[in-house]
Amino acid sequence: MAQNVLPRTVQRLIDEFARLPGIGPKSASRLTFFLLRGQDNQALELAQALQDMREHTRFCSVCFNITEEDPCLICSDEERDPSLLCVVEEPLDVVAVERSRAYNGRYHVLHGAISPVEGIGPEDLKVAELVRRVQQGNFKEIILATNPTLEGESTALYLQRRLLNERVKITRLARGLPVGGDLEYTDEITLGRAMEGRQEL
């Protein structure tokens, strides 16, 4: 049986990096040894940045996007169209839509998608908050911008049914987006065209 020759503290950092999405054991080792070889303050600045992020970021009480201020900058921006609401799965999707420069309304972040396989139901997402917000707001259009995946499509269909009696126009992003892809990885032009070509459900 091979004995671990790494110091406990080094192995712990490798293990923590490996828990991150998209980081395998080799990448985790490379990151750890990069920080070991780096300048003295590099690891400390990374640690401080992580601590600051945990201490100062929270979810916006209106849209549930990540923010340092509550409400967030988007929700408090009076130049945005308050009659448009774009529903996305994750905070990174807000960043992707904003990059397209094709949308100037408000957002609602669900924090996931319905996935029976993973045991994620509507009650695990910010769905009740969305329905309440639509009922209390004065929205003319709800844009369901969930990812074009099986889970995203199921979530959009569920939301459409939940909002059917709210007398608001419900649209879905046009099919310029690749099926099975994520908004986060979609280029600005494709996402911009999908936003402009959205269709009523």
Protein backbone atom coordinates (compact mmCIF):
# COMPACT_ATOMS: atom_id res chain seq x y z
CA MET A 1 0.00 0.00 0.00
CA ALA A 2 1.45 3.37 -1.07
CA GLN A 3 2.23 5.74 1.77
CA ASN A 4 1.28 9.42 1.42
CA VAL A 5 4.56 11.33 1.40
CA LEU A 6 2.96 14.78 1.39
CA PRO A 7 2.67 16.87 4.56
CA ARG A 8 -0.82 16.79 6.05
CA THR A 9 -1.43 20.51 5.39
CA VAL A 10 -0.49 20.19 1.71
CA GLN A 11 -2.67 17.12 1.25
CA ARG A 12 -5.58 18.91 2.91
CA LEU A 13 -5.37 21.81 0.43
CA ILE A 14 -5.20 19.36 -2.50
CA ASP A 15 -8.29 17.60 -1.14
CA GLU A 16 -10.16 20.92 -0.75
CA PHE A 17 -9.30 22.03 -4.30
CA ALA A 18 -10.42 18.62 -5.62
CA ARG A 19 -13.88 19.19 -4.10
CA LEU A 20 -14.43 22.15 -6.46
CA PRO A 21 -16.42 21.55 -9.67
CA GLY A 22 -14.23 20.85 -12.68
CA ILE A 23 -11.10 20.32 -10.59
CA GLY A 24 -9.72 16.79 -10.59
CA PRO A 25 -6.90 15.40 -8.39
CA LYS A 26 -4.16 16.42 -10.88
CA SER A 27 -5.44 19.98 -11.24
CA ALA A 28 -5.83 20.21 -7.47
CA SER A 29 -2.20 19.14 -7.03
CA ARG A 30 -1.00 21.65 -9.66
CA LEU A 31 -2.87 24.50 -7.98
CA THR A 32 -1.50 23.56 -4.56
CA PHE A 33 2.11 23.36 -5.73
CA PHE A 34 1.70 26.60 -7.70
CA LEU A 35 0.73 28.34 -4.46
CA LEU A 36 3.61 26.64 -2.60
CA ARG A 37 6.13 27.92 -5.14
CA GLY A 38 4.48 31.33 -5.54
CA GLN A 39 5.29 34.57 -3.82
CA ASP A 40 4.72 34.66 -0.08
CA ASN A 41 1.70 36.95 -0.27
CA GLN A 42 -0.05 35.10 -3.12
CA ALA A 43 -1.53 32.34 -0.95
CA LEU A 44 -2.43 34.86 1.76
CA GLU A 45 -4.22 37.10 -0.75
CA LEU A 46 -6.18 34.11 -2.05
CA ALA A 47 -7.15 33.17 1.51
CA GLN A 48 -8.17 36.78 2.24
CA ALA A 49 -10.23 36.98 -0.96
CA LEU A 50 -12.08 33.78 -0.01
CA GLN A 51 -12.74 35.05 3.50
CA ASP A 52 -13.95 38.45 2.23
CA MET A 53 -16.28 36.76 -0.24
CA ARG A 54 -17.84 34.61 2.49
CA GLU A 55 -18.19 37.54 4.90
CA HIS A 56 -19.50 40.20 2.52
CA THR A 57 -21.65 38.47 -0.09
CA ARG A 58 -25.25 37.43 0.41
CA PHE A 59 -28.35 36.82 -1.70
CA CYS A 60 -30.44 39.79 -2.75
CA SER A 61 -33.76 39.68 -0.87
CA VAL A 62 -35.61 40.63 -4.07
CA CYS A 63 -34.06 38.61 -6.93
CA PHE A 64 -31.76 36.18 -5.03
CA ASN A 65 -28.70 37.11 -7.10
CA ILE A 66 -25.39 37.35 -5.24
CA THR A 67 -24.64 40.82 -3.90
CA GLU A 68 -22.79 42.83 -1.31
CA GLU A 69 -25.68 45.30 -0.97
CA ASP A 70 -29.34 44.50 -0.40
CA PRO A 71 -31.18 45.06 -2.65
CA CYS A 72 -28.56 44.37 -5.33
CA LEU A 73 -27.37 46.94 -7.88
CA ILE A 74 -29.66 45.55 -10.60
CA CYS A 75 -32.79 45.61 -8.43
CA SER A 76 -32.06 49.16 -7.25
CA ASP A 77 -31.28 50.48 -10.77
CA GLU A 78 -34.22 52.74 -11.64
CA GLU A 79 -33.18 52.91 -15.29
CA ARG A 80 -34.07 49.25 -15.79
CA ASP A 81 -37.48 48.25 -17.12
CA PRO A 82 -39.50 47.11 -14.05
CA SER A 83 -42.12 45.39 -16.25
CA LEU A 84 -39.67 42.74 -17.56
CA LEU A 85 -38.56 39.79 -15.44
CA CYS A 86 -35.95 37.29 -16.64
CA VAL A 87 -35.92 34.00 -14.71
CA VAL A 88 -32.57 32.18 -14.69
CA GLU A 89 -31.18 29.12 -12.94
CA GLU A 90 -27.94 30.48 -11.45
CA PRO A 91 -26.21 33.82 -10.67
CA LEU A 92 -23.68 33.08 -13.46
CA ASP A 93 -26.60 33.14 -15.91
CA VAL A 94 -27.28 36.77 -14.92
CA VAL A 95 -23.68 37.57 -15.86
CA ALA A 96 -24.13 35.80 -19.23
CA VAL A 97 -27.37 37.66 -20.07
CA GLU A 98 -25.86 40.99 -19.02
CA ARG A 99 -22.89 40.36 -21.34
CA SER A 100 -25.29 40.10 -24.28
CA ARG A 101 -26.46 43.71 -23.72
CA ALA A 102 -29.83 42.62 -25.15
CA TYR A 103 -31.83 42.90 -21.93
CA ASN A 104 -32.51 45.76 -19.54
CA GLY A 105 -35.12 44.42 -17.11
CA ARG A 106 -35.08 42.70 -13.73
CA TYR A 107 -34.02 39.15 -12.79
CA HIS A 108 -35.10 36.27 -10.60
CA VAL A 109 -32.53 33.57 -9.76
CA LEU A 110 -33.96 30.11 -9.02
CA HIS A 111 -30.69 28.60 -7.72
CA GLY A 112 -30.99 25.41 -9.72
CA ALA A 113 -33.40 23.46 -11.89
CA ILE A 114 -35.97 20.77 -11.20
CA SER A 115 -34.24 17.39 -11.33
CA PRO A 116 -36.08 14.35 -9.94
CA VAL A 117 -32.96 12.21 -10.53
CA GLU A 118 -30.98 14.41 -8.12
CA GLY A 119 -33.92 14.80 -5.77
CA ILE A 120 -34.40 18.50 -6.56
CA GLY A 121 -38.03 19.61 -6.63
CA PRO A 122 -39.70 23.04 -6.96
CA GLU A 123 -39.67 23.42 -3.17
CA ASP A 124 -35.84 23.34 -3.26
CA LEU A 125 -35.73 26.34 -5.62
CA LYS A 126 -36.87 29.97 -5.36
CA VAL A 127 -40.15 29.11 -7.13
CA ALA A 128 -42.57 30.17 -4.36
CA GLU A 129 -40.72 33.48 -4.13
CA LEU A 130 -41.05 33.92 -7.92
CA VAL A 131 -44.81 33.27 -7.88
CA ARG A 132 -45.26 35.67 -4.97
CA ARG A 133 -43.17 38.31 -6.73
CA VAL A 134 -45.20 38.01 -9.95
CA GLN A 135 -48.47 38.22 -8.00
CA GLN A 136 -47.33 41.32 -6.12
CA GLY A 137 -45.52 43.00 -9.02
CA ASN A 138 -46.67 44.74 -12.17
CA PHE A 139 -44.81 42.68 -14.77
CA LYS A 140 -45.86 42.65 -18.42
CA GLU A 141 -43.53 39.82 -19.46
CA ILE A 142 -41.80 36.92 -17.74
CA ILE A 143 -38.86 35.51 -19.72
CA LEU A 144 -38.06 31.92 -18.79
CA ALA A 145 -34.31 31.79 -19.49
CA THR A 146 -33.57 28.39 -18.01
CA ASN A 147 -30.87 26.33 -19.70
CA PRO A 148 -31.82 24.33 -22.85
CA THR A 149 -31.29 21.02 -21.03
CA LEU A 150 -33.83 18.41 -19.97
CA GLU A 151 -33.86 19.87 -16.44
CA GLY A 152 -34.09 23.44 -17.75
CA GLU A 153 -36.96 22.58 -20.08
CA SER A 154 -38.82 20.75 -17.29
CA THR A 155 -38.34 23.75 -15.00
CA ALA A 156 -39.62 26.18 -17.65
CA LEU A 157 -42.68 24.00 -18.28
CA TYR A 158 -43.41 23.80 -14.56
CA LEU A 159 -43.05 27.59 -14.16
CA GLN A 160 -45.30 28.19 -17.16
CA ARG A 161 -48.04 26.09 -15.50
CA ARG A 162 -47.58 27.85 -12.14
CA LEU A 163 -47.82 31.31 -13.72
CA LEU A 164 -50.61 30.51 -16.19
CA ASN A 165 -53.34 32.34 -14.25
CA GLU A 166 -51.30 35.47 -13.51
CA ARG A 167 -52.35 37.35 -16.69
CA VAL A 168 -48.78 38.04 -17.73
CA LYS A 169 -47.03 37.29 -21.04
CA ILE A 170 -44.69 34.31 -20.62
CA THR A 171 -41.87 33.86 -23.14
CA ARG A 172 -38.97 31.44 -23.59
CA LEU A 173 -35.59 32.18 -25.16
CA ALA A 174 -35.48 31.43 -28.89
CA ARG A 175 -33.90 28.19 -30.03
CA GLY A 176 -30.66 29.80 -31.16
CA LEU A 177 -29.17 28.27 -28.02
CA PRO A 178 -27.65 24.81 -28.39
CA VAL A 179 -29.66 22.04 -26.75
CA GLY A 180 -27.76 20.56 -23.83
CA GLY A 181 -25.68 23.72 -23.34
CA ASP A 182 -25.45 26.20 -20.45
CA LEU A 183 -26.09 29.95 -20.66
CA GLU A 184 -22.82 30.47 -18.80
CA TYR A 185 -20.82 29.13 -21.78
CA THR A 186 -22.90 30.71 -24.56
CA ASP A 187 -21.26 33.49 -26.57
CA GLU A 188 -22.69 37.02 -26.43
CA ILE A 189 -24.01 37.09 -30.02
CA THR A 190 -25.93 33.79 -29.76
CA LEU A 191 -27.38 34.76 -26.39
CA GLY A 192 -28.28 38.23 -27.68
CA ARG A 193 -30.14 36.80 -30.67
CA ALA A 194 -31.91 34.26 -28.47
CA MET A 195 -33.05 37.08 -26.19
CA GLU A 196 -34.29 39.19 -29.10
CA GLY A 197 -36.06 36.20 -30.72
CA ARG A 198 -37.80 34.98 -27.56
CA GLN A 199 -41.21 33.43 -28.14
CA GLU A 200 -44.47 33.49 -26.22
CA LEU A 201 -45.42 30.20 -24.56
